[in-house]
C-alpha atoms as a PDB file:
ATOM      1  CA  MET A   1       5.845 -35.492   7.948  1.00  0.00           C
ATOM      2  CA  THR A   2       7.624 -32.776   8.554  1.00  0.00           C
ATOM      3  CA  THR A   3       9.528 -31.544   5.824  1.00  0.00           C
ATOM      4  CA  THR A   4      12.637 -29.466   4.949  1.00  0.00           C
ATOM      5  CA  VAL A   5      12.835 -27.140   2.253  1.00  0.00           C
ATOM      6  CA  SER A   6      15.365 -24.977   0.784  1.00  0.00           C
ATOM      7  CA  ALA A   7      15.680 -20.836   2.422  1.00  0.00           C
ATOM      8  CA  TYR A   8      17.909 -18.099   2.683  1.00  0.00           C
ATOM      9  CA  ALA A   9      17.888 -16.873   6.305  1.00  0.00           C
ATOM     10  CA  ALA A  10      19.496 -14.705   8.601  1.00  0.00           C
ATOM     11  CA  PRO A  11      21.342 -16.555  11.127  1.00  0.00           C
ATOM     12  CA  ALA A  12      21.535 -13.712  14.080  1.00  0.00           C
ATOM     13  CA  ALA A  13      20.877 -10.408  13.738  1.00  0.00           C
ATOM     14  CA  LYS A  14      22.460  -7.924  11.241  1.00  0.00           C
ATOM     15  CA  ALA A  15      24.210 -11.175   9.756  1.00  0.00           C
ATOM     16  CA  PRO A  16      23.879 -11.638   6.082  1.00  0.00           C
ATOM     17  CA  LEU A  17      21.392 -14.199   4.705  1.00  0.00           C
ATOM     18  CA  GLU A  18      22.561 -17.261   3.637  1.00  0.00           C
ATOM     19  CA  ARG A  19      21.269 -20.588   2.172  1.00  0.00           C
ATOM     20  CA  THR A  20      19.903 -23.459   4.471  1.00  0.00           C
ATOM     21  CA  THR A  21      17.320 -25.427   4.898  1.00  0.00           C
ATOM     22  CA  VAL A  22      13.933 -25.087   7.312  1.00  0.00           C
ATOM     23  CA  PRO A  23      11.345 -27.349   8.508  1.00  0.00           C
ATOM     24  CA  ARG A  24       7.507 -27.133   7.275  1.00  0.00           C
ATOM     25  CA  ARG A  25       4.680 -28.752   8.760  1.00  0.00           C
ATOM     26  CA  PRO A  26       3.079 -31.550   7.341  1.00  0.00           C
ATOM     27  CA  VAL A  27      -0.168 -30.247   5.618  1.00  0.00           C
ATOM     28  CA  GLY A  28      -3.182 -30.603   8.218  1.00  0.00           C
ATOM     29  CA  GLU A  29      -6.749 -30.795   7.220  1.00  0.00           C
ATOM     30  CA  HIS A  30      -7.294 -27.343   6.255  1.00  0.00           C
ATOM     31  CA  ASP A  31      -3.933 -26.590   4.627  1.00  0.00           C
ATOM     32  CA  VAL A  32      -2.116 -26.040   1.601  1.00  0.00           C
ATOM     33  CA  LEU A  33       1.164 -26.468   0.337  1.00  0.00           C
ATOM     34  CA  ILE A  34       2.582 -23.756  -1.962  1.00  0.00           C
ATOM     35  CA  GLU A  35       5.170 -23.991  -3.909  1.00  0.00           C
ATOM     36  CA  ILE A  36       6.564 -20.388  -3.931  1.00  0.00           C
ATOM     37  CA  LYS A  37       7.489 -18.892  -7.369  1.00  0.00           C
ATOM     38  CA  TYR A  38       7.980 -15.424  -6.086  1.00  0.00           C
ATOM     39  CA  ALA A  39       9.054 -12.990  -3.287  1.00  0.00           C
ATOM     40  CA  GLY A  40       9.376  -9.726  -2.467  1.00  0.00           C
ATOM     41  CA  ILE A  41      11.776  -7.870  -0.712  1.00  0.00           C
ATOM     42  CA  CYS A  42      10.016  -5.542   1.966  1.00  0.00           C
ATOM     43  CA  HIS A  43      11.653  -3.158   3.965  1.00  0.00           C
ATOM     44  CA  SER A  44      10.080  -4.387   6.983  1.00  0.00           C
ATOM     45  CA  ASP A  45      12.153  -7.593   6.190  1.00  0.00           C
ATOM     46  CA  ILE A  46      15.289  -5.222   6.726  1.00  0.00           C
ATOM     47  CA  HIS A  47      14.176  -4.093   9.844  1.00  0.00           C
ATOM     48  CA  GLN A  48      13.453  -7.332  11.381  1.00  0.00           C
ATOM     49  CA  ALA A  49      16.440  -9.262  10.049  1.00  0.00           C
ATOM     50  CA  ARG A  50      18.545  -6.583  11.859  1.00  0.00           C
ATOM     51  CA  ASP A  51      16.368  -5.953  15.065  1.00  0.00           C
ATOM     52  CA  GLY A  52      14.945  -2.535  14.397  1.00  0.00           C
ATOM     53  CA  TRP A  53      11.645  -3.286  15.665  1.00  0.00           C
ATOM     54  CA  GLY A  54      13.266  -5.196  18.684  1.00  0.00           C
ATOM     55  CA  GLU A  55      15.020  -8.602  19.293  1.00  0.00           C
ATOM     56  CA  GLY A  56      14.468 -11.290  16.720  1.00  0.00           C
ATOM     57  CA  ILE A  57      13.683 -15.075  16.536  1.00  0.00           C
ATOM     58  CA  PHE A  58      16.664 -16.513  14.539  1.00  0.00           C
ATOM     59  CA  PRO A  59      17.749 -18.055  12.557  1.00  0.00           C
ATOM     60  CA  MET A  60      14.788 -15.731  10.556  1.00  0.00           C
ATOM     61  CA  VAL A  61      13.448 -16.539   7.011  1.00  0.00           C
ATOM     62  CA  PRO A  62      12.026 -13.277   6.077  1.00  0.00           C
ATOM     63  CA  GLY A  63       9.319 -12.305   3.522  1.00  0.00           C
ATOM     64  CA  HIS A  64       5.822 -11.907   3.430  1.00  0.00           C
ATOM     65  CA  GLU A  65       5.076 -11.401  -0.210  1.00  0.00           C
ATOM     66  CA  ILE A  66       4.663 -14.560  -1.501  1.00  0.00           C
ATOM     67  CA  ALA A  67       3.216 -15.770  -4.965  1.00  0.00           C
ATOM     68  CA  GLY A  68       2.722 -19.208  -5.936  1.00  0.00           C
ATOM     69  CA  ILE A  69       1.203 -22.724  -7.202  1.00  0.00           C
ATOM     70  CA  VAL A  70      -0.857 -24.745  -4.966  1.00  0.00           C
ATOM     71  CA  THR A  71       0.970 -28.157  -5.172  1.00  0.00           C
ATOM     72  CA  GLU A  72      -1.245 -29.956  -2.163  1.00  0.00           C
ATOM     73  CA  THR A  73      -3.887 -29.536  -0.432  1.00  0.00           C
ATOM     74  CA  GLY A  74      -5.645 -31.311   3.056  1.00  0.00           C
ATOM     75  CA  GLN A  75      -8.545 -33.008   3.072  1.00  0.00           C
ATOM     76  CA  GLY A  76     -10.861 -30.539   4.472  1.00  0.00           C
ATOM     77  CA  VAL A  77      -9.601 -27.666   2.114  1.00  0.00           C
ATOM     78  CA  THR A  78     -12.509 -26.134   0.125  1.00  0.00           C
ATOM     79  CA  LYS A  79     -11.109 -22.277  -1.264  1.00  0.00           C
ATOM     80  CA  PHE A  80      -8.318 -24.110  -3.349  1.00  0.00           C
ATOM     81  CA  ALA A  81      -7.329 -27.061  -5.606  1.00  0.00           C
ATOM     82  CA  VAL A  82      -3.769 -28.232  -6.872  1.00  0.00           C
ATOM     83  CA  GLY A  83      -2.741 -25.507  -9.619  1.00  0.00           C
ATOM     84  CA  ASP A  84      -4.128 -22.473  -8.087  1.00  0.00           C
ATOM     85  CA  ARG A  85      -2.461 -19.409  -8.043  1.00  0.00           C
ATOM     86  CA  VAL A  86      -2.295 -18.063  -4.574  1.00  0.00           C
ATOM     87  CA  GLY A  87      -0.908 -15.358  -2.325  1.00  0.00           C
ATOM     88  CA  VAL A  88       0.165 -15.358   1.071  1.00  0.00           C
ATOM     89  CA  GLY A  89       0.868 -11.936   2.839  1.00  0.00           C
ATOM     90  CA  CYS A  90       1.954 -10.872   6.435  1.00  0.00           C
ATOM     91  CA  MET A  91       0.409 -12.973   8.441  1.00  0.00           C
ATOM     92  CA  VAL A  92      -0.715 -17.209   8.403  1.00  0.00           C
ATOM     93  CA  ASP A  93      -3.057 -16.644  11.747  1.00  0.00           C
ATOM     94  CA  SER A  94      -4.641 -15.174  14.428  1.00  0.00           C
ATOM     95  CA  CYS A  95      -7.124 -15.896  17.211  1.00  0.00           C
ATOM     96  CA  ARG A  96     -10.175 -16.071  14.623  1.00  0.00           C
ATOM     97  CA  GLU A  97     -12.218 -15.498  17.805  1.00  0.00           C
ATOM     98  CA  CYS A  98     -12.044 -11.650  18.711  1.00  0.00           C
ATOM     99  CA  ASP A  99     -14.622  -9.297  17.414  1.00  0.00           C
ATOM    100  CA  ASN A 100     -11.725  -7.873  15.053  1.00  0.00           C
ATOM    101  CA  CYS A 101     -10.984 -11.460  13.378  1.00  0.00           C
ATOM    102  CA  LYS A 102     -15.032 -11.915  13.407  1.00  0.00           C
ATOM    103  CA  ALA A 103     -15.129  -8.252  11.148  1.00  0.00           C
ATOM    104  CA  GLY A 104     -12.528  -9.208   8.927  1.00  0.00           C
ATOM    105  CA  LEU A 105     -10.017  -7.241  10.688  1.00  0.00           C
ATOM    106  CA  GLU A 106      -7.551 -10.126  11.320  1.00  0.00           C
ATOM    107  CA  GLN A 107      -4.727  -7.898  11.496  1.00  0.00           C
ATOM    108  CA  TYR A 108      -5.921  -6.013  14.354  1.00  0.00           C
ATOM    109  CA  CYS A 109      -6.526  -9.523  16.082  1.00  0.00           C
ATOM    110  CA  THR A 110      -7.039  -8.333  19.722  1.00  0.00           C
ATOM    111  CA  GLY A 111      -4.858 -11.172  20.628  1.00  0.00           C
ATOM    112  CA  GLY A 112      -2.147 -10.618  18.252  1.00  0.00           C
ATOM    113  CA  ASN A 113      -1.949 -12.288  14.586  1.00  0.00           C
ATOM    114  CA  VAL A 114       0.380 -14.661  13.962  1.00  0.00           C
ATOM    115  CA  GLY A 115       3.046 -13.064  11.433  1.00  0.00           C
ATOM    116  CA  THR A 116       4.536 -15.283   8.168  1.00  0.00           C
ATOM    117  CA  TYR A 117       7.855 -14.777   9.757  1.00  0.00           C
ATOM    118  CA  ASN A 118       9.472 -13.791  12.845  1.00  0.00           C
ATOM    119  CA  ALA A 119       6.165 -15.574  14.892  1.00  0.00           C
ATOM    120  CA  LEU A 120       5.302 -18.161  16.909  1.00  0.00           C
ATOM    121  CA  ASP A 121       2.927 -20.204  15.576  1.00  0.00           C
ATOM    122  CA  LYS A 122      -0.109 -21.782  17.922  1.00  0.00           C
ATOM    123  CA  ASN A 123       2.176 -24.423  18.398  1.00  0.00           C
ATOM    124  CA  GLY A 124       4.900 -22.365  19.717  1.00  0.00           C
ATOM    125  CA  GLU A 125       6.818 -23.351  16.577  1.00  0.00           C
ATOM    126  CA  PRO A 126       8.790 -20.248  14.718  1.00  0.00           C
ATOM    127  CA  THR A 127       7.676 -19.472  11.545  1.00  0.00           C
ATOM    128  CA  TYR A 128       9.477 -18.782   8.594  1.00  0.00           C
ATOM    129  CA  GLY A 129       8.781 -16.455   5.590  1.00  0.00           C
ATOM    130  CA  GLY A 130       9.011 -16.658   1.398  1.00  0.00           C
ATOM    131  CA  TYR A 131      12.636 -16.688   0.738  1.00  0.00           C
ATOM    132  CA  SER A 132      12.273 -20.181   0.721  1.00  0.00           C
ATOM    133  CA  THR A 133      11.031 -22.934  -2.104  1.00  0.00           C
ATOM    134  CA  HIS A 134       7.831 -24.163   0.067  1.00  0.00           C
ATOM    135  CA  ILE A 135       4.710 -23.014   2.039  1.00  0.00           C
ATOM    136  CA  VAL A 136       2.358 -24.688   3.705  1.00  0.00           C
ATOM    137  CA  VAL A 137      -0.429 -22.418   5.234  1.00  0.00           C
ATOM    138  CA  ASP A 138      -4.241 -22.753   6.414  1.00  0.00           C
ATOM    139  CA  GLU A 139      -6.291 -21.490   3.488  1.00  0.00           C
ATOM    140  CA  ALA A 140      -7.813 -19.380   5.674  1.00  0.00           C
ATOM    141  CA  PHE A 141      -4.970 -17.016   5.341  1.00  0.00           C
ATOM    142  CA  THR A 142      -4.397 -17.795   1.422  1.00  0.00           C
ATOM    143  CA  VAL A 143      -5.799 -15.794  -0.906  1.00  0.00           C
ATOM    144  CA  ARG A 144      -6.408 -16.294  -4.781  1.00  0.00           C
ATOM    145  CA  ILE A 145      -4.144 -13.965  -7.225  1.00  0.00           C
ATOM    146  CA  PRO A 146      -6.407 -13.289 -10.380  1.00  0.00           C
ATOM    147  CA  ASP A 147      -5.374 -14.464 -13.539  1.00  0.00           C
ATOM    148  CA  GLY A 148      -5.143 -11.074 -14.659  1.00  0.00           C
ATOM    149  CA  LEU A 149      -2.237 -10.703 -12.510  1.00  0.00           C
ATOM    150  CA  SER A 150       1.534 -12.337 -13.332  1.00  0.00           C
ATOM    151  CA  LEU A 151       3.084 -13.756 -10.134  1.00  0.00           C
ATOM    152  CA  ASP A 152       6.355 -11.722 -10.423  1.00  0.00           C
ATOM    153  CA  VAL A 153       4.669  -8.566 -10.093  1.00  0.00           C
ATOM    154  CA  ALA A 154       1.992  -9.775  -7.917  1.00  0.00           C
ATOM    155  CA  ALA A 155       3.896 -10.695  -5.424  1.00  0.00           C
ATOM    156  CA  PRO A 156       4.624  -7.218  -3.874  1.00  0.00           C
ATOM    157  CA  LEU A 157       0.448  -6.455  -3.371  1.00  0.00           C
ATOM    158  CA  LEU A 158       0.507  -8.996  -0.632  1.00  0.00           C
ATOM    159  CA  CYS A 159       2.313  -6.390   1.751  1.00  0.00           C
ATOM    160  CA  ALA A 160       2.723  -3.063  -0.488  1.00  0.00           C
ATOM    161  CA  GLY A 161      -0.747  -3.249  -2.329  1.00  0.00           C
ATOM    162  CA  ILE A 162      -2.781  -3.909   0.678  1.00  0.00           C
ATOM    163  CA  THR A 163      -0.788  -1.576   2.879  1.00  0.00           C
ATOM    164  CA  LEU A 164      -1.662   1.341   0.881  1.00  0.00           C
ATOM    165  CA  TYR A 165      -5.091  -0.276  -0.381  1.00  0.00           C
ATOM    166  CA  SER A 166      -6.276  -0.427   3.199  1.00  0.00           C
ATOM    167  CA  PRO A 167      -5.930   3.284   4.341  1.00  0.00           C
ATOM    168  CA  LEU A 168      -6.818   4.920   0.834  1.00  0.00           C
ATOM    169  CA  ALA A 169     -10.037   2.536   0.717  1.00  0.00           C
ATOM    170  CA  HIS A 170     -11.098   3.012   4.468  1.00  0.00           C
ATOM    171  CA  TRP A 171     -10.534   7.433   4.044  1.00  0.00           C
ATOM    172  CA  GLN A 172     -11.974   7.027   1.015  1.00  0.00           C
ATOM    173  CA  ALA A 173      -9.799   8.124  -1.550  1.00  0.00           C
ATOM    174  CA  GLY A 174     -11.708   9.095  -4.840  1.00  0.00           C
ATOM    175  CA  PRO A 175     -12.962  11.338  -6.945  1.00  0.00           C
ATOM    176  CA  GLY A 176     -13.110  14.784  -5.649  1.00  0.00           C
ATOM    177  CA  LYS A 177     -10.653  13.954  -3.228  1.00  0.00           C
ATOM    178  CA  LYS A 178      -6.571  15.570  -2.951  1.00  0.00           C
ATOM    179  CA  VAL A 179      -4.302  12.956  -1.887  1.00  0.00           C
ATOM    180  CA  ALA A 180      -0.836  13.087  -1.114  1.00  0.00           C
ATOM    181  CA  ILE A 181       1.866   9.955  -1.110  1.00  0.00           C
ATOM    182  CA  VAL A 182       4.562  10.939   0.821  1.00  0.00           C
ATOM    183  CA  GLY A 183       7.989   8.832  -0.373  1.00  0.00           C
ATOM    184  CA  LEU A 184       7.694   7.111  -3.924  1.00  0.00           C
ATOM    185  CA  GLY A 185       9.148   3.719  -2.838  1.00  0.00           C
ATOM    186  CA  GLY A 186       8.388   0.614  -3.149  1.00  0.00           C
ATOM    187  CA  LEU A 187       5.103   1.268  -0.904  1.00  0.00           C
ATOM    188  CA  GLY A 188       4.432   4.625  -2.425  1.00  0.00           C
ATOM    189  CA  HIS A 189       4.778   3.544  -5.837  1.00  0.00           C
ATOM    190  CA  MET A 190       1.938   1.457  -5.261  1.00  0.00           C
ATOM    191  CA  GLY A 191      -0.096   4.014  -3.536  1.00  0.00           C
ATOM    192  CA  VAL A 192       0.357   6.354  -6.700  1.00  0.00           C
ATOM    193  CA  LYS A 193      -1.175   3.586  -8.732  1.00  0.00           C
ATOM    194  CA  ILE A 194      -3.937   2.990  -6.504  1.00  0.00           C
ATOM    195  CA  ALA A 195      -4.973   6.341  -5.579  1.00  0.00           C
ATOM    196  CA  ASP A 196      -5.293   7.264  -9.547  1.00  0.00           C
ATOM    197  CA  ALA A 197      -7.175   4.037 -10.320  1.00  0.00           C
ATOM    198  CA  LEU A 198      -9.799   5.018  -7.310  1.00  0.00           C
ATOM    199  CA  GLY A 199     -10.178   8.475  -9.177  1.00  0.00           C
ATOM    200  CA  ALA A 200      -8.551  10.997  -6.213  1.00  0.00           C
ATOM    201  CA  GLU A 201      -6.385  13.794  -7.289  1.00  0.00           C
ATOM    202  CA  VAL A 202      -2.733  12.475  -6.318  1.00  0.00           C
ATOM    203  CA  THR A 203       0.300  14.372  -5.356  1.00  0.00           C
ATOM    204  CA  VAL A 204       3.646  13.015  -5.050  1.00  0.00           C
ATOM    205  CA  LEU A 205       5.522  14.577  -1.706  1.00  0.00           C
ATOM    206  CA  SER A 206       9.271  13.316  -2.320  1.00  0.00           C
ATOM    207  CA  GLN A 207      12.794  14.598  -0.728  1.00  0.00           C
ATOM    208  CA  SER A 208      13.853  15.591  -4.322  1.00  0.00           C
ATOM    209  CA  LEU A 209      12.284  15.803  -7.972  1.00  0.00           C
ATOM    210  CA  ARG A 210      14.876  13.059  -8.807  1.00  0.00           C
ATOM    211  CA  LYS A 211      12.085  10.133  -9.327  1.00  0.00           C
ATOM    212  CA  LYS A 212       9.061  12.893 -10.829  1.00  0.00           C
ATOM    213  CA  ASP A 213       8.916  11.366 -14.274  1.00  0.00           C
ATOM    214  CA  ASP A 214       8.509   8.129 -12.837  1.00  0.00           C
ATOM    215  CA  GLY A 215       5.904   9.258 -10.293  1.00  0.00           C
ATOM    216  CA  LEU A 216       3.459  11.125 -13.193  1.00  0.00           C
ATOM    217  CA  LYS A 217       4.320   7.930 -15.069  1.00  0.00           C
ATOM    218  CA  LEU A 218       3.015   5.922 -12.611  1.00  0.00           C
ATOM    219  CA  GLY A 219      -0.634   8.186 -12.003  1.00  0.00           C
ATOM    220  CA  ALA A 220       0.440  11.263 -10.391  1.00  0.00           C
ATOM    221  CA  ASP A 221      -1.306  14.658 -11.189  1.00  0.00           C
ATOM    222  CA  HIS A 222       1.677  16.930  -8.842  1.00  0.00           C
ATOM    223  CA  TYR A 223       5.035  16.240  -8.075  1.00  0.00           C
ATOM    224  CA  TYR A 224       6.654  18.088  -5.136  1.00  0.00           C
ATOM    225  CA  ALA A 225       9.928  17.949  -3.063  1.00  0.00           C
ATOM    226  CA  THR A 226       9.816  18.116   0.140  1.00  0.00           C
ATOM    227  CA  SER A 227      13.703  19.402   0.741  1.00  0.00           C
ATOM    228  CA  ASP A 228      12.322  22.933  -0.818  1.00  0.00           C
ATOM    229  CA  GLU A 229      10.699  24.684   1.769  1.00  0.00           C
ATOM    230  CA  ALA A 230       8.464  26.486  -0.485  1.00  0.00           C
ATOM    231  CA  THR A 231       6.553  23.551  -1.027  1.00  0.00           C
ATOM    232  CA  PHE A 232       4.584  23.734   2.495  1.00  0.00           C
ATOM    233  CA  GLU A 233       4.272  27.187   1.930  1.00  0.00           C
ATOM    234  CA  HIS A 234       2.162  26.520  -1.787  1.00  0.00           C
ATOM    235  CA  LEU A 235       0.547  23.634  -0.229  1.00  0.00           C
ATOM    236  CA  ALA A 236      -0.657  23.998   2.983  1.00  0.00           C
ATOM    237  CA  GLY A 237      -4.194  23.565   3.417  1.00  0.00           C
ATOM    238  CA  THR A 238      -4.415  21.503   0.239  1.00  0.00           C
ATOM    239  CA  PHE A 239      -5.001  17.732   1.095  1.00  0.00           C
ATOM    240  CA  ASP A 240      -7.731  15.629   2.468  1.00  0.00           C
ATOM    241  CA  LEU A 241      -5.552  12.434   2.734  1.00  0.00           C
ATOM    242  CA  ILE A 242      -1.839  12.220   3.467  1.00  0.00           C
ATOM    243  CA  VAL A 243      -0.763   9.351   3.185  1.00  0.00           C
ATOM    244  CA  SER A 244       3.380   8.703   4.505  1.00  0.00           C
ATOM    245  CA  THR A 245       4.665   5.631   3.380  1.00  0.00           C
ATOM    246  CA  VAL A 246       8.580   6.755   4.886  1.00  0.00           C
ATOM    247  CA  SER A 247      10.125   4.997   7.382  1.00  0.00           C
ATOM    248  CA  ALA A 248      12.321   7.682   9.016  1.00  0.00           C
ATOM    249  CA  PRO A 249      10.772  10.414  11.453  1.00  0.00           C
ATOM    250  CA  LEU A 250       9.305  13.643   9.861  1.00  0.00           C
ATOM    251  CA  PRO A 251       8.771  16.747  10.876  1.00  0.00           C
ATOM    252  CA  LEU A 252       5.211  15.719  11.398  1.00  0.00           C
ATOM    253  CA  ASP A 253       3.908  19.544  12.058  1.00  0.00           C
ATOM    254  CA  ALA A 254       5.019  20.778   8.971  1.00  0.00           C
ATOM    255  CA  TYR A 255       3.417  18.116   7.207  1.00  0.00           C
ATOM    256  CA  LEU A 256      -0.204  18.496   9.313  1.00  0.00           C
ATOM    257  CA  ARG A 257      -0.209  22.139   8.045  1.00  0.00           C
ATOM    258  CA  LEU A 258      -0.797  20.973   4.440  1.00  0.00           C
ATOM    259  CA  LEU A 259      -3.968  19.209   5.323  1.00  0.00           C
ATOM    260  CA  LYS A 260      -7.596  20.942   4.865  1.00  0.00           C
ATOM    261  CA  THR A 261      -9.639  21.210   7.892  1.00  0.00           C
ATOM    262  CA  GLY A 262     -10.917  17.825   8.830  1.00  0.00           C
ATOM    263  CA  GLY A 263      -8.151  16.148   6.857  1.00  0.00           C
ATOM    264  CA  VAL A 264      -6.378  12.919   8.107  1.00  0.00           C
ATOM    265  CA  MET A 265      -2.669  12.199   7.655  1.00  0.00           C
ATOM    266  CA  VAL A 266      -1.658   8.288   8.146  1.00  0.00           C
ATOM    267  CA  ASN A 267       1.101   6.519   8.922  1.00  0.00           C
ATOM    268  CA  VAL A 268       2.001   3.147   6.836  1.00  0.00           C
ATOM    269  CA  GLY A 269       5.591   3.459   7.024  1.00  0.00           C
ATOM    270  CA  ALA A 270       7.161   2.718  10.625  1.00  0.00           C
ATOM    271  CA  PRO A 271      10.491   4.519  11.416  1.00  0.00           C
ATOM    272  CA  GLU A 272      12.275   2.830  14.379  1.00  0.00           C
ATOM    273  CA  GLU A 273      12.559   5.796  16.374  1.00  0.00           C
ATOM    274  CA  PRO A 274       9.965   7.525  18.376  1.00  0.00           C
ATOM    275  CA  VAL A 275       8.220  11.001  16.869  1.00  0.00           C
ATOM    276  CA  SER A 276       7.010  14.157  18.013  1.00  0.00           C
ATOM    277  CA  LEU A 277       4.420  16.549  17.295  1.00  0.00           C
ATOM    278  CA  ASN A 278       2.706  19.633  18.775  1.00  0.00           C
ATOM    279  CA  VAL A 279      -0.715  18.829  19.605  1.00  0.00           C
ATOM    280  CA  PHE A 280      -1.701  22.224  18.434  1.00  0.00           C
ATOM    281  CA  SER A 281      -1.152  21.313  15.011  1.00  0.00           C
ATOM    282  CA  LEU A 282      -4.302  18.841  15.366  1.00  0.00           C
ATOM    283  CA  MET A 283      -6.301  21.014  17.193  1.00  0.00           C
ATOM    284  CA  GLY A 284      -6.450  23.748  14.634  1.00  0.00           C
ATOM    285  CA  GLY A 285      -8.097  22.191  12.049  1.00  0.00           C
ATOM    286  CA  ARG A 286      -9.519  19.246  13.529  1.00  0.00           C
ATOM    287  CA  LYS A 287      -7.189  17.086  12.008  1.00  0.00           C
ATOM    288  CA  SER A 288      -6.056  13.262  12.497  1.00  0.00           C
ATOM    289  CA  LEU A 289      -3.311  11.654  13.108  1.00  0.00           C
ATOM    290  CA  ALA A 290      -3.451   8.008  12.507  1.00  0.00           C
ATOM    291  CA  GLY A 291      -1.723   4.709  11.571  1.00  0.00           C
ATOM    292  CA  SER A 292      -2.970   1.583   9.503  1.00  0.00           C
ATOM    293  CA  GLY A 293      -1.224  -1.895   9.601  1.00  0.00           C
ATOM    294  CA  ILE A 294      -2.009  -4.724   6.747  1.00  0.00           C
ATOM    295  CA  GLY A 295      -5.808  -5.394   5.719  1.00  0.00           C
ATOM    296  CA  GLY A 296      -7.501  -8.346   6.756  1.00  0.00           C
ATOM    297  CA  ILE A 297      -7.956 -11.400   4.344  1.00  0.00           C
ATOM    298  CA  ARG A 298     -11.215 -10.364   2.873  1.00  0.00           C
ATOM    299  CA  GLU A 299      -9.576  -6.700   1.983  1.00  0.00           C
ATOM    300  CA  THR A 300      -6.587  -8.477   0.660  1.00  0.00           C
ATOM    301  CA  GLN A 301      -8.733 -10.374  -1.876  1.00  0.00           C
ATOM    302  CA  GLU A 302     -10.173  -7.372  -2.844  1.00  0.00           C
ATOM    303  CA  MET A 303      -7.241  -5.248  -3.505  1.00  0.00           C
ATOM    304  CA  LEU A 304      -5.910  -8.273  -5.731  1.00  0.00           C
ATOM    305  CA  ASP A 305      -9.062  -8.429  -7.475  1.00  0.00           C
ATOM    306  CA  PHE A 306      -9.055  -4.557  -7.846  1.00  0.00           C
ATOM    307  CA  CYS A 307      -5.650  -4.602  -9.108  1.00  0.00           C
ATOM    308  CA  ALA A 308      -6.237  -7.221 -11.863  1.00  0.00           C
ATOM    309  CA  GLU A 309      -9.097  -5.048 -13.024  1.00  0.00           C
ATOM    310  CA  HIS A 310      -7.292  -2.301 -13.317  1.00  0.00           C
ATOM    311  CA  GLY A 311      -3.829  -4.117 -14.839  1.00  0.00           C
ATOM    312  CA  LEU A 312      -2.071  -2.830 -11.602  1.00  0.00           C
ATOM    313  CA  GLY A 313       1.155  -4.858 -10.547  1.00  0.00           C
ATOM    314  CA  ALA A 314       4.079  -3.618  -8.707  1.00  0.00           C
ATOM    315  CA  GLU A 315       6.900  -2.212 -10.945  1.00  0.00           C
ATOM    316  CA  ILE A 316       9.578  -4.802  -9.398  1.00  0.00           C
ATOM    317  CA  GLU A 317      13.594  -5.716 -10.082  1.00  0.00           C
ATOM    318  CA  LEU A 318      13.992  -9.575 -10.196  1.00  0.00           C
ATOM    319  CA  ILE A 319      16.768 -11.146  -8.903  1.00  0.00           C
ATOM    320  CA  SER A 320      18.237 -14.379  -7.450  1.00  0.00           C
ATOM    321  CA  ALA A 321      18.836 -15.593  -4.590  1.00  0.00           C
ATOM    322  CA  ASP A 322      22.716 -14.650  -4.083  1.00  0.00           C
ATOM    323  CA  GLN A 323      21.499 -11.280  -4.763  1.00  0.00           C
ATOM    324  CA  ILE A 324      19.536 -10.291  -1.544  1.00  0.00           C
ATOM    325  CA  ASN A 325      22.129  -9.134   0.674  1.00  0.00           C
ATOM    326  CA  GLU A 326      22.976  -6.865  -2.114  1.00  0.00           C
ATOM    327  CA  ALA A 327      19.169  -5.615  -2.506  1.00  0.00           C
ATOM    328  CA  TYR A 328      18.904  -4.840   1.188  1.00  0.00           C
ATOM    329  CA  GLU A 329      21.700  -2.755   0.628  1.00  0.00           C
ATOM    330  CA  ARG A 330      20.365  -0.808  -2.365  1.00  0.00           C
ATOM    331  CA  VAL A 331      16.995  -0.527  -0.297  1.00  0.00           C
ATOM    332  CA  LEU A 332      18.348   1.258   2.232  1.00  0.00           C
ATOM    333  CA  ALA A 333      20.201   3.645  -0.563  1.00  0.00           C
ATOM    334  CA  SER A 334      16.583   3.971  -2.022  1.00  0.00           C
ATOM    335  CA  ASP A 335      18.097   2.621  -5.107  1.00  0.00           C
ATOM    336  CA  VAL A 336      15.605   0.190  -6.559  1.00  0.00           C
ATOM    337  CA  ARG A 337      12.781   1.147  -8.615  1.00  0.00           C
ATOM    338  CA  TYR A 338      10.486  -0.276  -7.088  1.00  0.00           C
ATOM    339  CA  ARG A 339      10.377  -3.851  -5.768  1.00  0.00           C
ATOM    340  CA  PHE A 340      12.917  -6.218  -5.652  1.00  0.00           C
ATOM    341  CA  VAL A 341      11.553  -9.481  -5.912  1.00  0.00           C
ATOM    342  CA  ILE A 342      13.055 -13.067  -5.844  1.00  0.00           C
ATOM    343  CA  ASP A 343      12.757 -15.844  -8.306  1.00  0.00           C
ATOM    344  CA  THR A 344      13.138 -18.622  -5.407  1.00  0.00           C
ATOM    345  CA  ALA A 345      13.995 -21.180  -8.558  1.00  0.00           C
ATOM    346  CA  THR A 346      17.281 -20.087  -7.746  1.00  0.00           C
ATOM    347  CA  ILE A 347      17.207 -20.546  -4.112  1.00  0.00           C
END
């Protein structure tokens, strides 16, 4: 039978989130019921709850950084058992039949994957995310959280962690590579940790030097302020890979000049406004401007195992559910080090 669970939802675009209840489907043959313990707050939650990326589906329960415990399994479930520590990221289904899905790239499903929230499932019902006490998810879109990671610091890895791990792995960040992470926030701080663990020489490019000590402690070798024009002169032609995590438009031509010949700048932050550049900034060194989404289920599990092996959890500030709206404003003001995580026992 369909059940109702407690949740926090935005009743309409730009409206404050409030306590409510939402339906959860019955546990199907290949489903797991997860008691959510912790849910991270991602900047994309704010974009979507405020219609920043287009018209949303309301009421909206955000949250795609979910960590919890399996409390029930369907009869056909083989991957998990009651009591297992599991996570759910940004998607809960895909077509499973296209070339991308078959290659383990469900995030790039040609028919469009089903988002953990603000989406419609295959039955046409709205999906509701992790700001809730329980969720029902197909085992194929559930991942195991290794024992070496506590659930609270693991939750943000389901978006922030994989969003940075995927491009760093794809463009082969590692020994001998110089990598710049633009922005030291919820995404960027995980980029620094992961790039450092992969063996790359890591530089943080941030608006100011306010978080320099943090950046160096997290694993950065260098830290520069982009508000200083001398930074762009000093670092010209330096990097093999630049990963931008910021969600505001950047002067792309200036950043592309920081790449070596053949270098790549990857965008994982998603500004609400269009960006522009001079194509000669790419042609003058066979440089590439790329984008990267999250990661497939297989790669997400790989990322979690990697983070457990290297002791990489997110830097978090644990909050109660009644602090969500305040947390949103603090995220917009860059007043968080470095990820808010909701204790869902308070919902």
